């Protein structure tokens, strides 16, 4: 999380809406440990990583929806999840993300 704070701060200074996704749990093998974070602004710009690249595209889509709706949610990607497999989460595990809009 600390490595994305500077960029998130610059987005805040520019008045952009932002959502943050955090890994809160993994089951089995996961690409990133709990605590890994990624931020997405309203323009689709991304900083950080929650999966080393394998589900980031799907997370961006979720984050943009959360920016629009203002709702928080848990999102899970696992090996048996068709979307996760399609975007490359083939490590055999499951990752649980908490995604929320930032309220300045």
Protein backbone atom coordinates (compact mmCIF):
# COMPACT_ATOMS: atom_id res chain seq x y z
CA UNK A 1 0.00 0.00 0.00
CA UNK A 2 2.79 2.42 0.87
CA UNK A 3 4.25 2.20 -2.64
CA UNK A 4 1.04 3.58 -4.20
CA UNK A 5 0.38 6.45 -1.80
CA UNK A 6 2.32 9.12 -3.69
CA UNK A 7 0.47 8.50 -6.95
CA UNK A 8 -2.90 8.27 -5.19
CA UNK A 9 -2.10 11.59 -3.53
CA UNK A 10 -1.41 13.21 -6.90
CA UNK A 11 -4.73 11.85 -8.21
CA UNK A 12 -6.46 13.35 -5.17
CA UNK A 13 -4.77 16.69 -5.80
CA UNK A 14 -6.09 16.54 -9.39
CA UNK A 15 -9.63 15.89 -8.11
CA UNK A 16 -9.90 12.39 -9.55
CA UNK A 17 -12.12 9.68 -8.11
CA UNK A 18 -10.21 6.57 -7.03
CA UNK A 19 -10.96 3.01 -5.95
CA UNK A 20 -8.50 0.82 -4.05
CA UNK A 21 -8.37 -2.97 -4.24
CA UNK A 22 -6.57 -4.93 -1.51
CA UNK A 23 -5.77 -8.61 -1.22
CA UNK A 24 -7.44 -9.64 2.04
CA UNK A 25 -7.02 -13.41 1.82
CA UNK A 26 -5.64 -16.18 -0.36
CA UNK A 27 -6.47 -19.86 -0.44
CA UNK A 28 -3.79 -22.18 -1.74
CA UNK A 29 -1.20 -20.62 -4.00
CA UNK A 30 -1.65 -16.93 -4.72
CA UNK A 31 0.33 -14.48 -6.82
CA UNK A 32 0.45 -11.75 -4.12
CA UNK A 33 0.21 -11.86 -0.34
CA UNK A 34 -2.57 -10.25 1.71
CA UNK A 35 -1.97 -6.52 1.95
CA UNK A 36 -0.99 -6.11 -1.71
CA UNK A 37 -2.87 -3.14 -3.13
CA UNK A 38 -3.82 -1.56 -6.42
CA UNK A 39 -5.50 1.78 -7.08
CA UNK A 40 -7.52 2.75 -10.13
CA UNK A 41 -8.66 6.26 -10.99
CA UNK A 42 -11.74 7.30 -12.95
CA UNK A 43 -9.66 7.46 -16.15
CA UNK A 44 -8.62 3.81 -15.79
CA UNK A 45 -5.06 4.61 -14.76
CA UNK A 46 -3.59 1.95 -12.47
CA UNK A 47 -0.88 1.90 -9.81
CA UNK A 48 0.16 -1.17 -7.83
CA UNK A 49 -0.78 -4.81 -8.28
CA UNK A 50 -2.97 -7.40 -6.60
CA UNK A 51 -2.09 -10.39 -8.74
CA UNK A 52 1.16 -9.78 -10.57
CA UNK A 53 -0.85 -9.07 -13.72
CA UNK A 54 -3.05 -12.14 -14.05
CA UNK A 55 -6.41 -10.60 -13.03
CA UNK A 56 -5.61 -6.89 -13.08
CA UNK A 57 -7.85 -6.22 -16.10
CA UNK A 58 -10.87 -7.70 -14.36
CA UNK A 59 -10.03 -5.76 -11.18
CA UNK A 60 -9.90 -2.50 -13.17
CA UNK A 61 -13.38 -3.23 -14.49
CA UNK A 62 -14.66 -3.87 -10.95
CA UNK A 63 -12.92 -0.73 -9.63
CA UNK A 64 -14.43 1.49 -12.31
CA UNK A 65 -17.88 0.11 -11.49
CA UNK A 66 -17.25 0.82 -7.80
CA UNK A 67 -16.17 4.39 -8.57
CA UNK A 68 -19.45 4.87 -10.44
CA UNK A 69 -21.70 3.16 -7.88
CA UNK A 70 -19.89 4.20 -4.69
CA UNK A 71 -20.44 0.70 -3.28
CA UNK A 72 -17.78 -1.44 -1.62
CA UNK A 73 -17.51 -5.14 -2.33
CA UNK A 74 -15.56 -8.33 -1.91
CA UNK A 75 -14.43 -9.95 -5.16
CA UNK A 76 -13.00 -13.44 -5.47
CA UNK A 77 -10.96 -14.96 -8.28
CA UNK A 78 -9.99 -18.61 -8.28
CA UNK A 79 -8.65 -21.25 -10.60
CA UNK A 80 -12.13 -22.66 -11.22
CA UNK A 81 -13.57 -19.19 -11.88
CA UNK A 82 -14.01 -18.99 -15.68
CA UNK A 83 -13.16 -15.29 -15.72
CA UNK A 84 -10.05 -15.75 -13.58
CA UNK A 85 -8.86 -18.63 -15.77
CA UNK A 86 -9.55 -16.59 -18.90
CA UNK A 87 -7.39 -13.74 -17.63
CA UNK A 88 -4.62 -16.01 -16.42
CA UNK A 89 -5.07 -16.90 -12.72
CA UNK A 90 -3.66 -20.36 -13.23
CA UNK A 91 -1.64 -20.55 -9.99
CA UNK A 92 -4.21 -22.95 -8.60
CA UNK A 93 -5.30 -20.74 -5.71
CA UNK A 94 -8.03 -18.27 -4.91
CA UNK A 95 -7.59 -14.59 -4.09
CA UNK A 96 -10.10 -12.49 -2.18
CA UNK A 97 -10.07 -8.74 -2.78
CA UNK A 98 -11.81 -5.91 -0.98
CA UNK A 99 -12.45 -3.00 -3.33
CA UNK A 100 -13.67 0.37 -2.10
CA UNK A 101 -13.94 3.92 -3.38
CA UNK A 102 -11.73 6.44 -1.63
CA UNK A 103 -13.64 9.20 0.10
CA UNK A 104 -11.46 12.28 0.21
